[in-house]
Amino acid sequence: MFVIGTAHGDAPGRSGNRMGSVRYGVATGITIACYTLWDANAVTTLGVPPLVQLGGAVVVEAAVLTPFALARRAEIGGCGRRTAGTRP
């Protein structure tokens, strides 16, 4: 988090919002901790096989993100066309 909070603060022409960056880093860390604890609970306490847990997470993620992707089709398609020529 220290790097996130200080990386662009001193760069010329950048008005770094260090506290915003630190908050984003903390929120990311809390989110990762929460889903890690949930995964551990599901596998150990509830007895869900790890592959089933992973498969279920992928299905839920796709169901949640699909409406957002469909609402932004043009933007997503443009992103793919812009980056298509950048891979080796």
N, C-alpha and C. Protein backbone atom coordinates (compact mmCIF):
# COMPACT_ATOMS: atom_id res chain seq x y z
N MET A 1 0.82 -1.19 0.00
CA MET A 1 0.00 0.00 0.00
C MET A 1 0.86 1.25 0.00
N PHE A 2 2.03 1.16 0.59
CA PHE A 2 2.90 2.33 0.62
C PHE A 2 3.24 2.78 -0.79
N VAL A 3 3.54 1.84 -1.67
CA VAL A 3 3.88 2.19 -3.05
C VAL A 3 2.69 2.81 -3.76
N ILE A 4 1.50 2.25 -3.56
CA ILE A 4 0.30 2.81 -4.18
C ILE A 4 0.07 4.24 -3.71
N GLY A 5 0.28 4.47 -2.43
CA GLY A 5 0.01 5.79 -1.85
C GLY A 5 1.04 6.84 -2.20
N THR A 6 2.23 6.45 -2.60
CA THR A 6 3.28 7.44 -2.85
C THR A 6 3.81 7.43 -4.27
N ALA A 7 3.36 6.53 -5.11
CA ALA A 7 3.97 6.35 -6.43
C ALA A 7 3.91 7.59 -7.30
N HIS A 8 2.77 8.27 -7.38
CA HIS A 8 2.63 9.40 -8.29
C HIS A 8 2.54 10.74 -7.58
N GLY A 9 2.66 10.74 -6.29
CA GLY A 9 2.49 11.98 -5.54
C GLY A 9 3.55 13.03 -5.87
N ASP A 10 4.75 12.62 -6.18
CA ASP A 10 5.82 13.57 -6.45
C ASP A 10 6.13 13.72 -7.93
N ALA A 11 5.40 13.04 -8.79
CA ALA A 11 5.67 13.11 -10.22
C ALA A 11 5.27 14.48 -10.75
N PRO A 12 6.09 15.07 -11.65
CA PRO A 12 5.75 16.37 -12.20
C PRO A 12 4.42 16.32 -12.96
N GLY A 13 3.60 17.33 -12.74
CA GLY A 13 2.34 17.42 -13.46
C GLY A 13 1.24 16.53 -12.92
N ARG A 14 1.50 15.84 -11.83
CA ARG A 14 0.48 14.97 -11.24
C ARG A 14 0.02 15.56 -9.92
N SER A 15 -1.26 15.65 -9.75
CA SER A 15 -1.77 16.11 -8.46
C SER A 15 -2.19 14.87 -7.68
N GLY A 16 -1.23 14.17 -7.12
CA GLY A 16 -1.48 12.88 -6.47
C GLY A 16 -2.43 12.99 -5.30
N ASN A 17 -3.41 12.16 -5.29
CA ASN A 17 -4.33 12.06 -4.18
C ASN A 17 -3.91 10.85 -3.37
N ARG A 18 -2.97 11.05 -2.47
CA ARG A 18 -2.38 9.93 -1.75
C ARG A 18 -3.38 9.20 -0.88
N MET A 19 -4.21 9.94 -0.18
CA MET A 19 -5.17 9.28 0.70
C MET A 19 -6.19 8.46 -0.10
N GLY A 20 -6.58 8.95 -1.26
CA GLY A 20 -7.48 8.18 -2.11
C GLY A 20 -6.83 6.88 -2.53
N SER A 21 -5.55 6.94 -2.86
CA SER A 21 -4.83 5.73 -3.27
C SER A 21 -4.70 4.75 -2.11
N VAL A 22 -4.42 5.27 -0.93
CA VAL A 22 -4.28 4.41 0.23
C VAL A 22 -5.63 3.76 0.56
N ARG A 23 -6.70 4.54 0.49
CA ARG A 23 -8.03 3.98 0.74
C ARG A 23 -8.35 2.87 -0.26
N TYR A 24 -8.02 3.10 -1.51
CA TYR A 24 -8.25 2.08 -2.54
C TYR A 24 -7.45 0.81 -2.21
N GLY A 25 -6.22 0.98 -1.80
CA GLY A 25 -5.39 -0.17 -1.44
C GLY A 25 -5.93 -0.92 -0.24
N VAL A 26 -6.39 -0.19 0.77
CA VAL A 26 -6.97 -0.82 1.96
C VAL A 26 -8.26 -1.56 1.58
N ALA A 27 -9.10 -0.94 0.78
CA ALA A 27 -10.35 -1.58 0.35
C ALA A 27 -10.05 -2.86 -0.44
N THR A 28 -9.04 -2.82 -1.29
CA THR A 28 -8.65 -4.00 -2.05
C THR A 28 -8.18 -5.11 -1.11
N GLY A 29 -7.36 -4.76 -0.14
CA GLY A 29 -6.87 -5.74 0.82
C GLY A 29 -7.99 -6.36 1.64
N ILE A 30 -8.95 -5.54 2.07
CA ILE A 30 -10.08 -6.05 2.84
C ILE A 30 -10.93 -6.99 1.99
N THR A 31 -11.14 -6.62 0.73
CA THR A 31 -11.92 -7.47 -0.16
C THR A 31 -11.24 -8.82 -0.36
N ILE A 32 -9.94 -8.82 -0.59
CA ILE A 32 -9.20 -10.07 -0.78
C ILE A 32 -9.27 -10.91 0.49
N ALA A 33 -9.12 -10.29 1.66
CA ALA A 33 -9.20 -11.03 2.92
C ALA A 33 -10.58 -11.66 3.10
N CYS A 34 -11.62 -10.91 2.76
CA CYS A 34 -12.99 -11.44 2.92
C CYS A 34 -13.24 -12.65 2.03
N TYR A 35 -12.88 -12.56 0.75
CA TYR A 35 -13.17 -13.71 -0.09
C TYR A 35 -12.23 -14.88 0.19
N THR A 36 -11.05 -14.62 0.70
CA THR A 36 -10.16 -15.70 1.10
C THR A 36 -10.74 -16.44 2.31
N LEU A 37 -11.25 -15.69 3.28
CA LEU A 37 -11.87 -16.30 4.45
C LEU A 37 -13.13 -17.08 4.07
N TRP A 38 -13.92 -16.50 3.15
CA TRP A 38 -15.13 -17.21 2.70
C TRP A 38 -14.76 -18.51 1.99
N ASP A 39 -13.77 -18.46 1.13
CA ASP A 39 -13.33 -19.67 0.42
C ASP A 39 -12.85 -20.73 1.41
N ALA A 40 -12.06 -20.32 2.39
CA ALA A 40 -11.56 -21.27 3.39
C ALA A 40 -12.71 -21.88 4.19
N ASN A 41 -13.68 -21.06 4.54
CA ASN A 41 -14.84 -21.54 5.28
C ASN A 41 -15.65 -22.54 4.44
N ALA A 42 -15.85 -22.20 3.18
CA ALA A 42 -16.65 -23.07 2.31
C ALA A 42 -15.97 -24.42 2.12
N VAL A 43 -14.66 -24.43 1.99
CA VAL A 43 -13.94 -25.68 1.73
C VAL A 43 -13.78 -26.50 3.01
N THR A 44 -13.46 -25.85 4.13
CA THR A 44 -13.20 -26.62 5.35
C THR A 44 -14.47 -26.92 6.15
N THR A 45 -15.23 -25.90 6.47
CA THR A 45 -16.40 -26.08 7.32
C THR A 45 -17.58 -26.70 6.58
N LEU A 46 -17.86 -26.18 5.40
CA LEU A 46 -19.01 -26.66 4.64
C LEU A 46 -18.70 -27.90 3.81
N GLY A 47 -17.42 -28.21 3.61
CA GLY A 47 -17.02 -29.40 2.87
C GLY A 47 -17.20 -29.30 1.36
N VAL A 48 -17.21 -28.08 0.83
CA VAL A 48 -17.34 -27.90 -0.62
C VAL A 48 -16.00 -28.23 -1.27
N PRO A 49 -15.98 -29.12 -2.26
CA PRO A 49 -14.71 -29.41 -2.94
C PRO A 49 -14.15 -28.14 -3.60
N PRO A 50 -12.84 -27.95 -3.56
CA PRO A 50 -12.24 -26.73 -4.11
C PRO A 50 -12.60 -26.46 -5.57
N LEU A 51 -12.66 -27.48 -6.41
CA LEU A 51 -13.00 -27.26 -7.82
C LEU A 51 -14.46 -26.80 -7.98
N VAL A 52 -15.33 -27.32 -7.14
CA VAL A 52 -16.73 -26.88 -7.17
C VAL A 52 -16.81 -25.42 -6.70
N GLN A 53 -16.05 -25.08 -5.67
CA GLN A 53 -16.00 -23.70 -5.18
C GLN A 53 -15.52 -22.77 -6.29
N LEU A 54 -14.47 -23.15 -6.98
CA LEU A 54 -13.93 -22.34 -8.07
C LEU A 54 -14.94 -22.21 -9.20
N GLY A 55 -15.52 -23.33 -9.60
CA GLY A 55 -16.51 -23.30 -10.68
C GLY A 55 -17.72 -22.45 -10.32
N GLY A 56 -18.19 -22.57 -9.09
CA GLY A 56 -19.32 -21.75 -8.65
C GLY A 56 -18.98 -20.27 -8.65
N ALA A 57 -17.78 -19.94 -8.22
CA ALA A 57 -17.35 -18.53 -8.22
C ALA A 57 -17.30 -17.97 -9.63
N VAL A 58 -16.83 -18.77 -10.58
CA VAL A 58 -16.76 -18.31 -11.97
C VAL A 58 -18.16 -18.09 -12.53
N VAL A 59 -19.08 -18.99 -12.23
CA VAL A 59 -20.46 -18.85 -12.72
C VAL A 59 -21.12 -17.60 -12.13
N VAL A 60 -20.95 -17.39 -10.84
CA VAL A 60 -21.54 -16.20 -10.19
C VAL A 60 -20.91 -14.93 -10.76
N GLU A 61 -19.60 -14.93 -10.93
CA GLU A 61 -18.91 -13.76 -11.49
C GLU A 61 -19.43 -13.45 -12.89
N ALA A 62 -19.59 -14.47 -13.71
CA ALA A 62 -20.10 -14.25 -15.07
C ALA A 62 -21.53 -13.71 -15.03
N ALA A 63 -22.36 -14.24 -14.14
CA ALA A 63 -23.75 -13.79 -14.04
C ALA A 63 -23.83 -12.34 -13.58
N VAL A 64 -22.93 -11.94 -12.69
CA VAL A 64 -22.94 -10.57 -12.18
C VAL A 64 -22.38 -9.60 -13.22
N LEU A 65 -21.33 -9.98 -13.93
CA LEU A 65 -20.66 -9.06 -14.84
C LEU A 65 -21.29 -8.98 -16.23
N THR A 66 -22.04 -10.00 -16.64
CA THR A 66 -22.63 -10.02 -17.97
C THR A 66 -23.52 -8.81 -18.25
N PRO A 67 -24.44 -8.41 -17.36
CA PRO A 67 -25.26 -7.22 -17.66
C PRO A 67 -24.43 -5.96 -17.88
N PHE A 68 -23.36 -5.79 -17.12
CA PHE A 68 -22.49 -4.62 -17.30
C PHE A 68 -21.78 -4.68 -18.65
N ALA A 69 -21.32 -5.86 -19.01
CA ALA A 69 -20.63 -6.02 -20.30
C ALA A 69 -21.58 -5.78 -21.46
N LEU A 70 -22.80 -6.28 -21.36
CA LEU A 70 -23.78 -6.08 -22.43
C LEU A 70 -24.16 -4.61 -22.57
N ALA A 71 -24.21 -3.90 -21.47
CA ALA A 71 -24.55 -2.48 -21.52
C ALA A 71 -23.43 -1.64 -22.15
N ARG A 72 -22.23 -2.18 -22.19
CA ARG A 72 -21.07 -1.45 -22.72
C ARG A 72 -20.41 -2.20 -23.87
N ARG A 73 -21.21 -2.81 -24.72
CA ARG A 73 -20.68 -3.61 -25.84
C ARG A 73 -19.72 -2.83 -26.72
N ALA A 74 -20.10 -1.63 -27.12
CA ALA A 74 -19.25 -0.85 -28.04
C ALA A 74 -17.91 -0.53 -27.39
N GLU A 75 -17.94 -0.15 -26.14
CA GLU A 75 -16.71 0.19 -25.43
C GLU A 75 -15.79 -1.02 -25.30
N ILE A 76 -16.36 -2.16 -25.00
CA ILE A 76 -15.57 -3.38 -24.84
C ILE A 76 -15.00 -3.83 -26.19
N GLY A 77 -15.81 -3.74 -27.24
CA GLY A 77 -15.33 -4.11 -28.58
C GLY A 77 -14.20 -3.20 -29.03
N GLY A 78 -14.32 -1.92 -28.76
CA GLY A 78 -13.26 -0.98 -29.12
C GLY A 78 -11.98 -1.26 -28.37
N CYS A 79 -12.10 -1.67 -27.13
CA CYS A 79 -10.92 -2.01 -26.33
C CYS A 79 -10.20 -3.20 -26.94
N GLY A 80 -10.95 -4.19 -27.37
CA GLY A 80 -10.33 -5.35 -28.00
C GLY A 80 -9.63 -5.00 -29.29
N ARG A 81 -10.25 -4.12 -30.08
CA ARG A 81 -9.61 -3.72 -31.35
C ARG A 81 -8.36 -2.88 -31.10
N ARG A 82 -8.36 -2.04 -30.08
CA ARG A 82 -7.19 -1.21 -29.78
C ARG A 82 -6.02 -2.04 -29.31
N THR A 83 -6.27 -3.11 -28.57
CA THR A 83 -5.17 -3.89 -27.99
C THR A 83 -4.79 -5.11 -28.82
N ALA A 84 -5.54 -5.40 -29.87
CA ALA A 84 -5.29 -6.61 -30.66
C ALA A 84 -3.88 -6.61 -31.27
N GLY A 85 -3.37 -5.49 -31.67
CA GLY A 85 -2.07 -5.44 -32.32
C GLY A 85 -0.91 -5.28 -31.36
N THR A 86 -1.15 -5.25 -30.05
CA THR A 86 -0.07 -4.99 -29.11
C THR A 86 0.56 -6.25 -28.56
N ARG A 87 0.01 -7.41 -28.83
CA ARG A 87 0.58 -8.65 -28.28
C ARG A 87 1.66 -9.19 -29.23
N PRO A 88 2.69 -9.79 -28.63
CA PRO A 88 3.78 -10.33 -29.47
C PRO A 88 3.37 -11.52 -30.29
